[in-house]
PDB file of N, CA and C in Angstrom:
ATOM      1  N   MET A   1     113.705  97.953 105.423  1.00  0.00           N
ATOM      2  CA  MET A   1     113.288  98.692 104.111  1.00  0.00           C
ATOM      3  C   MET A   1     112.279  97.879 103.301  1.00  0.00           C
ATOM      4  N   GLN A   2     111.199  99.559 103.007  1.00  0.00           N
ATOM      5  CA  GLN A   2     110.035  99.156 102.195  1.00  0.00           C
ATOM      6  C   GLN A   2     110.743  98.993 100.184  1.00  0.00           C
ATOM      7  N   ARG A   3     109.959  98.122  99.593  1.00  0.00           N
ATOM      8  CA  ARG A   3     110.335  98.303  98.448  1.00  0.00           C
ATOM      9  C   ARG A   3     109.562  99.750  97.578  1.00  0.00           C
ATOM     10  N   THR A   4     109.922 100.465  96.561  1.00  0.00           N
ATOM     11  CA  THR A   4     109.410 101.365  95.840  1.00  0.00           C
ATOM     12  C   THR A   4     108.010 101.120  95.790  1.00  0.00           C
ATOM     13  N   GLU A   5     107.989  99.970  95.195  1.00  0.00           N
ATOM     14  CA  GLU A   5     106.039  99.723  94.213  1.00  0.00           C
ATOM     15  C   GLU A   5     105.300  99.117  95.832  1.00  0.00           C
ATOM     16  N   GLU A   6     105.763  98.986  97.094  1.00  0.00           N
ATOM     17  CA  GLU A   6     105.330  98.903  98.139  1.00  0.00           C
ATOM     18  C   GLU A   6     104.491 100.429  98.953  1.00  0.00           C
ATOM     19  N   ILE A   7     105.662 101.003  98.786  1.00  0.00           N
ATOM     20  CA  ILE A   7     105.548 102.710  99.505  1.00  0.00           C
ATOM     21  C   ILE A   7     104.635 103.108  98.503  1.00  0.00           C
ATOM     22  N   ALA A   8     104.893 102.961  97.161  1.00  0.00           N
ATOM     23  CA  ALA A   8     103.547 103.462  95.624  1.00  0.00           C
ATOM     24  C   ALA A   8     102.196 103.000  96.335  1.00  0.00           C
ATOM     25  N   ALA A   9     102.322 102.179  96.468  1.00  0.00           N
ATOM     26  CA  ALA A   9     100.896 100.944  96.619  1.00  0.00           C
ATOM     27  C   ALA A   9     100.238 101.630  97.861  1.00  0.00           C
ATOM     28  N   LYS A  10     100.556 102.082  98.891  1.00  0.00           N
ATOM     29  CA  LYS A  10     100.374 102.601 100.216  1.00  0.00           C
ATOM     30  C   LYS A  10     100.237 104.435 100.002  1.00  0.00           C
ATOM     31  N   ALA A  11     101.019 104.932  99.307  1.00  0.00           N
ATOM     32  CA  ALA A  11     100.356 106.061  98.865  1.00  0.00           C
ATOM     33  C   ALA A  11      99.661 106.376  98.383  1.00  0.00           C
ATOM     34  N   LEU A  12      99.174 105.570  97.374  1.00  0.00           N
ATOM     35  CA  LEU A  12      98.040 105.680  96.432  1.00  0.00           C
ATOM     36  C   LEU A  12      96.892 105.324  96.935  1.00  0.00           C
ATOM     37  N   ASN A  13      97.096 104.447  97.599  1.00  0.00           N
ATOM     38  CA  ASN A  13      95.817 103.506  98.853  1.00  0.00           C
ATOM     39  C   ASN A  13      95.277 105.347  99.745  1.00  0.00           C
ATOM     40  N   ALA A  14      96.105 105.591 100.017  1.00  0.00           N
ATOM     41  CA  ALA A  14      96.228 106.846 101.023  1.00  0.00           C
ATOM     42  C   ALA A  14      95.171 108.443 100.493  1.00  0.00           C
ATOM     43  N   VAL A  15      95.494 107.876  99.003  1.00  0.00           N
ATOM     44  CA  VAL A  15      94.481 109.287  98.128  1.00  0.00           C
ATOM     45  C   VAL A  15      93.409 108.864  97.451  1.00  0.00           C
ATOM     46  N   ASP A  16      92.607 107.095  98.063  1.00  0.00           N
ATOM     47  CA  ASP A  16      91.547 106.827  97.833  1.00  0.00           C
ATOM     48  C   ASP A  16      91.883 106.369  96.022  1.00  0.00           C
ATOM     49  N   ASN A  17      93.062 106.007  95.564  1.00  0.00           N
ATOM     50  CA  ASN A  17      93.398 104.752  94.582  1.00  0.00           C
ATOM     51  C   ASN A  17      93.340 106.146  93.218  1.00  0.00           C
ATOM     52  N   ASP A  18      93.445 107.402  93.043  1.00  0.00           N
ATOM     53  CA  ASP A  18      93.168 108.279  92.406  1.00  0.00           C
ATOM     54  C   ASP A  18      94.838 108.930  92.297  1.00  0.00           C
ATOM     55  N   ARG A  19      94.889 108.813  91.013  1.00  0.00           N
ATOM     56  CA  ARG A  19      96.657 108.533  90.701  1.00  0.00           C
ATOM     57  C   ARG A  19      96.698 110.274  90.190  1.00  0.00           C
ATOM     58  N   TYR A  20      95.174 111.339  90.147  1.00  0.00           N
ATOM     59  CA  TYR A  20      95.591 112.810  89.200  1.00  0.00           C
ATOM     60  C   TYR A  20      96.497 113.396  91.225  1.00  0.00           C
ATOM     61  N   LYS A  21      95.232 112.952  91.969  1.00  0.00           N
ATOM     62  CA  LYS A  21      95.213 113.576  93.148  1.00  0.00           C
ATOM     63  C   LYS A  21      96.751 112.813  94.127  1.00  0.00           C
ATOM     64  N   LEU A  22      97.211 111.731  93.041  1.00  0.00           N
ATOM     65  CA  LEU A  22      98.938 111.423  94.491  1.00  0.00           C
ATOM     66  C   LEU A  22      99.760 112.157  93.256  1.00  0.00           C
ATOM     67  N   THR A  23      99.433 112.448  91.906  1.00  0.00           N
ATOM     68  CA  THR A  23     100.680 112.863  91.236  1.00  0.00           C
ATOM     69  C   THR A  23     100.569 115.023  91.634  1.00  0.00           C
ATOM     70  N   LEU A  24      99.816 115.390  92.105  1.00  0.00           N
ATOM     71  CA  LEU A  24      99.682 116.395  92.608  1.00  0.00           C
ATOM     72  C   LEU A  24     100.162 116.676  93.769  1.00  0.00           C
ATOM     73  N   LEU A  25      99.991 115.848  94.748  1.00  0.00           N
ATOM     74  CA  LEU A  25     100.348 116.042  96.217  1.00  0.00           C
ATOM     75  C   LEU A  25     101.369 115.848  96.373  1.00  0.00           C
ATOM     76  N   VAL A  26     102.327 114.663  95.715  1.00  0.00           N
ATOM     77  CA  VAL A  26     103.652 114.646  95.421  1.00  0.00           C
ATOM     78  C   VAL A  26     104.609 116.100  95.170  1.00  0.00           C
ATOM     79  N   ALA A  27     103.902 115.850  94.119  1.00  0.00           N
ATOM     80  CA  ALA A  27     104.459 117.037  92.979  1.00  0.00           C
ATOM     81  C   ALA A  27     104.218 119.111  94.393  1.00  0.00           C
ATOM     82  N   LYS A  28     103.492 118.702  94.732  1.00  0.00           N
ATOM     83  CA  LYS A  28     103.315 120.302  95.809  1.00  0.00           C
ATOM     84  C   LYS A  28     104.336 119.891  97.097  1.00  0.00           C
ATOM     85  N   ARG A  29     104.124 118.688  97.259  1.00  0.00           N
ATOM     86  CA  ARG A  29     105.371 118.870  98.562  1.00  0.00           C
ATOM     87  C   ARG A  29     106.440 118.072  98.241  1.00  0.00           C
ATOM     88  N   ALA A  30     106.977 117.850  96.894  1.00  0.00           N
ATOM     89  CA  ALA A  30     108.270 118.111  96.222  1.00  0.00           C
ATOM     90  C   ALA A  30     109.118 119.492  96.347  1.00  0.00           C
ATOM     91  N   GLU A  31     107.572 120.480  95.965  1.00  0.00           N
ATOM     92  CA  GLU A  31     108.317 121.755  95.620  1.00  0.00           C
ATOM     93  C   GLU A  31     108.509 122.537  97.147  1.00  0.00           C
ATOM     94  N   ALA A  32     107.376 122.164  97.862  1.00  0.00           N
ATOM     95  CA  ALA A  32     107.826 122.922  99.340  1.00  0.00           C
ATOM     96  C   ALA A  32     108.896 121.955 100.059  1.00  0.00           C
ATOM     97  N   LEU A  33     109.680 121.151  99.504  1.00  0.00           N
ATOM     98  CA  LEU A  33     110.577 120.361 100.187  1.00  0.00           C
ATOM     99  C   LEU A  33     112.142 121.315  99.725  1.00  0.00           C
ATOM    100  N   ALA A  34     111.846 121.584  98.096  1.00  0.00           N
ATOM    101  CA  ALA A  34     112.679 122.421  97.662  1.00  0.00           C
ATOM    102  C   ALA A  34     113.280 123.659  98.332  1.00  0.00           C
ATOM    103  N   GLU A  35     112.257 124.263  98.673  1.00  0.00           N
ATOM    104  CA  GLU A  35     111.811 125.436  99.015  1.00  0.00           C
ATOM    105  C   GLU A  35     112.409 125.556 100.771  1.00  0.00           C
ATOM    106  N   GLY A  36     112.306 124.499 101.132  1.00  0.00           N
ATOM    107  CA  GLY A  36     112.685 124.352 102.253  1.00  0.00           C
ATOM    108  C   GLY A  36     111.927 123.745 103.315  1.00  0.00           C
ATOM    109  N   ALA A  37     111.288 122.856 103.188  1.00  0.00           N
ATOM    110  CA  ALA A  37     110.170 122.663 104.687  1.00  0.00           C
ATOM    111  C   ALA A  37     111.336 121.226 104.840  1.00  0.00           C
ATOM    112  N   THR A  38     110.879 121.070 106.149  1.00  0.00           N
ATOM    113  CA  THR A  38     111.214 119.830 107.030  1.00  0.00           C
ATOM    114  C   THR A  38     110.443 118.852 106.533  1.00  0.00           C
ATOM    115  N   PRO A  39     111.401 117.915 106.180  1.00  0.00           N
ATOM    116  CA  PRO A  39     110.715 116.290 105.959  1.00  0.00           C
ATOM    117  C   PRO A  39     110.540 115.627 107.093  1.00  0.00           C
ATOM    118  N   LEU A  40     109.240 115.181 106.840  1.00  0.00           N
ATOM    119  CA  LEU A  40     108.352 114.752 108.097  1.00  0.00           C
ATOM    120  C   LEU A  40     108.560 113.009 108.544  1.00  0.00           C
ATOM    121  N   ILE A  41     109.277 112.553 108.119  1.00  0.00           N
ATOM    122  CA  ILE A  41     109.686 111.268 108.534  1.00  0.00           C
ATOM    123  C   ILE A  41     111.970 110.863 108.244  1.00  0.00           C
ATOM    124  N   THR A  42     111.669 110.390 109.181  1.00  0.00           N
ATOM    125  CA  THR A  42     113.710 110.420 109.131  1.00  0.00           C
ATOM    126  C   THR A  42     113.734 109.604 107.636  1.00  0.00           C
ATOM    127  N   LEU A  43     114.704 110.452 107.188  1.00  0.00           N
ATOM    128  CA  LEU A  43     115.527 109.989 106.220  1.00  0.00           C
ATOM    129  C   LEU A  43     116.614 108.798 106.517  1.00  0.00           C
ATOM    130  N   SER A  44     116.393 107.479 105.685  1.00  0.00           N
ATOM    131  CA  SER A  44     117.173 106.186 105.517  1.00  0.00           C
ATOM    132  C   SER A  44     118.815 107.163 104.559  1.00  0.00           C
ATOM    133  N   ASN A  45     118.227 108.099 103.833  1.00  0.00           N
ATOM    134  CA  ASN A  45     119.468 108.429 102.686  1.00  0.00           C
ATOM    135  C   ASN A  45     119.594 109.863 102.682  1.00  0.00           C
ATOM    136  N   PRO A  46     120.971 110.880 103.486  1.00  0.00           N
ATOM    137  CA  PRO A  46     120.475 112.570 103.140  1.00  0.00           C
ATOM    138  C   PRO A  46     120.077 112.621 101.623  1.00  0.00           C
ATOM    139  N   LYS A  47     120.559 111.775 100.940  1.00  0.00           N
ATOM    140  CA  LYS A  47     120.769 112.735  98.740  1.00  0.00           C
ATOM    141  C   LYS A  47     119.529 112.106  98.560  1.00  0.00           C
ATOM    142  N   MET A  48     118.197 111.802  98.759  1.00  0.00           N
ATOM    143  CA  MET A  48     116.935 111.433  98.329  1.00  0.00           C
ATOM    144  C   MET A  48     116.733 112.347  97.691  1.00  0.00           C
ATOM    145  N   LYS A  49     115.890 112.081  97.075  1.00  0.00           N
ATOM    146  CA  LYS A  49     115.395 113.173  96.131  1.00  0.00           C
ATOM    147  C   LYS A  49     113.846 113.530  96.739  1.00  0.00           C
ATOM    148  N   PHE A  50     113.491 114.691  96.597  1.00  0.00           N
ATOM    149  CA  PHE A  50     112.222 115.277  97.215  1.00  0.00           C
ATOM    150  C   PHE A  50     110.912 115.147  96.537  1.00  0.00           C
ATOM    151  N   THR A  51     110.593 113.861  95.412  1.00  0.00           N
ATOM    152  CA  THR A  51     109.918 113.461  95.142  1.00  0.00           C
ATOM    153  C   THR A  51     109.514 112.189  95.975  1.00  0.00           C
ATOM    154  N   ASP A  52     110.618 111.040  96.201  1.00  0.00           N
ATOM    155  CA  ASP A  52     110.979 110.157  96.958  1.00  0.00           C
ATOM    156  C   ASP A  52     110.238 110.366  98.613  1.00  0.00           C
ATOM    157  N   ILE A  53     110.893 111.891  99.098  1.00  0.00           N
ATOM    158  CA  ILE A  53     110.601 111.918 100.279  1.00  0.00           C
ATOM    159  C   ILE A  53     109.104 112.564 100.653  1.00  0.00           C
ATOM    160  N   ALA A  54     108.800 113.062  99.742  1.00  0.00           N
ATOM    161  CA  ALA A  54     106.815 113.103  99.192  1.00  0.00           C
ATOM    162  C   ALA A  54     106.561 111.990  99.439  1.00  0.00           C
ATOM    163  N   LEU A  55     106.937 110.585  98.208  1.00  0.00           N
ATOM    164  CA  LEU A  55     106.071 110.261  98.071  1.00  0.00           C
ATOM    165  C   LEU A  55     105.983 108.993  99.516  1.00  0.00           C
ATOM    166  N   ARG A  56     107.269 109.131 100.427  1.00  0.00           N
ATOM    167  CA  ARG A  56     107.354 108.197 101.468  1.00  0.00           C
ATOM    168  C   ARG A  56     106.155 109.092 102.726  1.00  0.00           C
ATOM    169  N   GLU A  57     106.158 110.243 102.655  1.00  0.00           N
ATOM    170  CA  GLU A  57     105.265 111.222 103.686  1.00  0.00           C
ATOM    171  C   GLU A  57     104.415 110.873 103.483  1.00  0.00           C
ATOM    172  N   ILE A  58     103.554 110.792 101.841  1.00  0.00           N
ATOM    173  CA  ILE A  58     102.233 110.401 102.133  1.00  0.00           C
ATOM    174  C   ILE A  58     101.984 108.715 102.134  1.00  0.00           C
ATOM    175  N   ALA A  59     102.331 108.038 101.950  1.00  0.00           N
ATOM    176  CA  ALA A  59     102.676 106.268 101.947  1.00  0.00           C
ATOM    177  C   ALA A  59     102.543 106.403 104.111  1.00  0.00           C
ATOM    178  N   ALA A  60     103.380 107.283 104.451  1.00  0.00           N
ATOM    179  CA  ALA A  60     102.927 107.444 105.701  1.00  0.00           C
ATOM    180  C   ALA A  60     101.947 108.012 106.633  1.00  0.00           C
ATOM    181  N   GLY A  61     101.114 109.274 105.976  1.00  0.00           N
ATOM    182  CA  GLY A  61     100.360 109.555 106.245  1.00  0.00           C
ATOM    183  C   GLY A  61     100.540 110.780 107.198  1.00  0.00           C
ATOM    184  N   LYS A  62     101.302 111.327 106.744  1.00  0.00           N
ATOM    185  CA  LYS A  62     102.012 112.573 107.226  1.00  0.00           C
ATOM    186  C   LYS A  62     101.507 113.906 106.176  1.00  0.00           C
ATOM    187  N   VAL A  63     101.734 113.605 104.895  1.00  0.00           N
ATOM    188  CA  VAL A  63     101.157 114.670 104.351  1.00  0.00           C
ATOM    189  C   VAL A  63      99.466 114.460 103.549  1.00  0.00           C
ATOM    190  N   VAL A  64      98.710 115.386 103.669  1.00  0.00           N
ATOM    191  CA  VAL A  64      97.001 114.713 103.057  1.00  0.00           C
ATOM    192  C   VAL A  64      97.277 115.824 102.248  1.00  0.00           C
ATOM    193  N   LEU A  65      96.110 115.774 100.956  1.00  0.00           N
ATOM    194  CA  LEU A  65      95.480 116.123 100.332  1.00  0.00           C
ATOM    195  C   LEU A  65      95.039 118.041 100.644  1.00  0.00           C
ATOM    196  N   GLU A  66      93.885 117.536 101.652  1.00  0.00           N
ATOM    197  CA  GLU A  66      93.182 118.040 101.935  1.00  0.00           C
ATOM    198  C   GLU A  66      94.051 119.670 102.718  1.00  0.00           C
ATOM    199  N   ALA A  67      95.121 119.226 103.298  1.00  0.00           N
ATOM    200  CA  ALA A  67      95.926 119.906 103.887  1.00  0.00           C
ATOM    201  C   ALA A  67      96.530 120.667 103.548  1.00  0.00           C
ATOM    202  N   LEU A  68      97.373 119.986 102.058  1.00  0.00           N
ATOM    203  CA  LEU A  68      97.874 121.160 101.501  1.00  0.00           C
ATOM    204  C   LEU A  68      97.106 122.152 100.582  1.00  0.00           C
ATOM    205  N   ILE A  69      95.593 121.662 100.062  1.00  0.00           N
ATOM    206  CA  ILE A  69      95.154 122.943  99.555  1.00  0.00           C
ATOM    207  C   ILE A  69      94.121 123.906 100.337  1.00  0.00           C
ATOM    208  N   GLU A  70      94.424 123.785 102.229  1.00  0.00           N
ATOM    209  CA  GLU A  70      94.394 124.625 102.818  1.00  0.00           C
ATOM    210  C   GLU A  70      95.229 125.583 103.196  1.00  0.00           C
ATOM    211  N   SER A  71      96.184 125.180 103.152  1.00  0.00           N
ATOM    212  CA  SER A  71      97.537 125.886 103.440  1.00  0.00           C
ATOM    213  C   SER A  71      98.310 126.860 102.449  1.00  0.00           C
ATOM    214  N   ASN A  72      97.249 126.701 101.173  1.00  0.00           N
ATOM    215  CA  ASN A  72      97.971 127.251  99.819  1.00  0.00           C
ATOM    216  C   ASN A  72      96.542 128.925 100.054  1.00  0.00           C
ATOM    217  N   ARG A  73      95.362 128.756 100.285  1.00  0.00           N
ATOM    218  CA  ARG A  73      94.740 129.808 100.198  1.00  0.00           C
ATOM    219  C   ARG A  73      94.818 130.993 101.073  1.00  0.00           C
TER     220      ARG A  73
END
């Protein structure tokens, strides 16, 4: 299992090291998960928080900001 710091670093790298974009993306994806969206990764712990799931999805390249923006239009 990866450490949280490693996952956060990968997720930050996925958004060109822009912390604002990462924060926005995590918030929007966590909101979608809270509203019933299916997780795009295999959960190691069924009680994971939505923000943790979102961060792992971003780090894995499953969620990108451009797709999120397009789906909200």
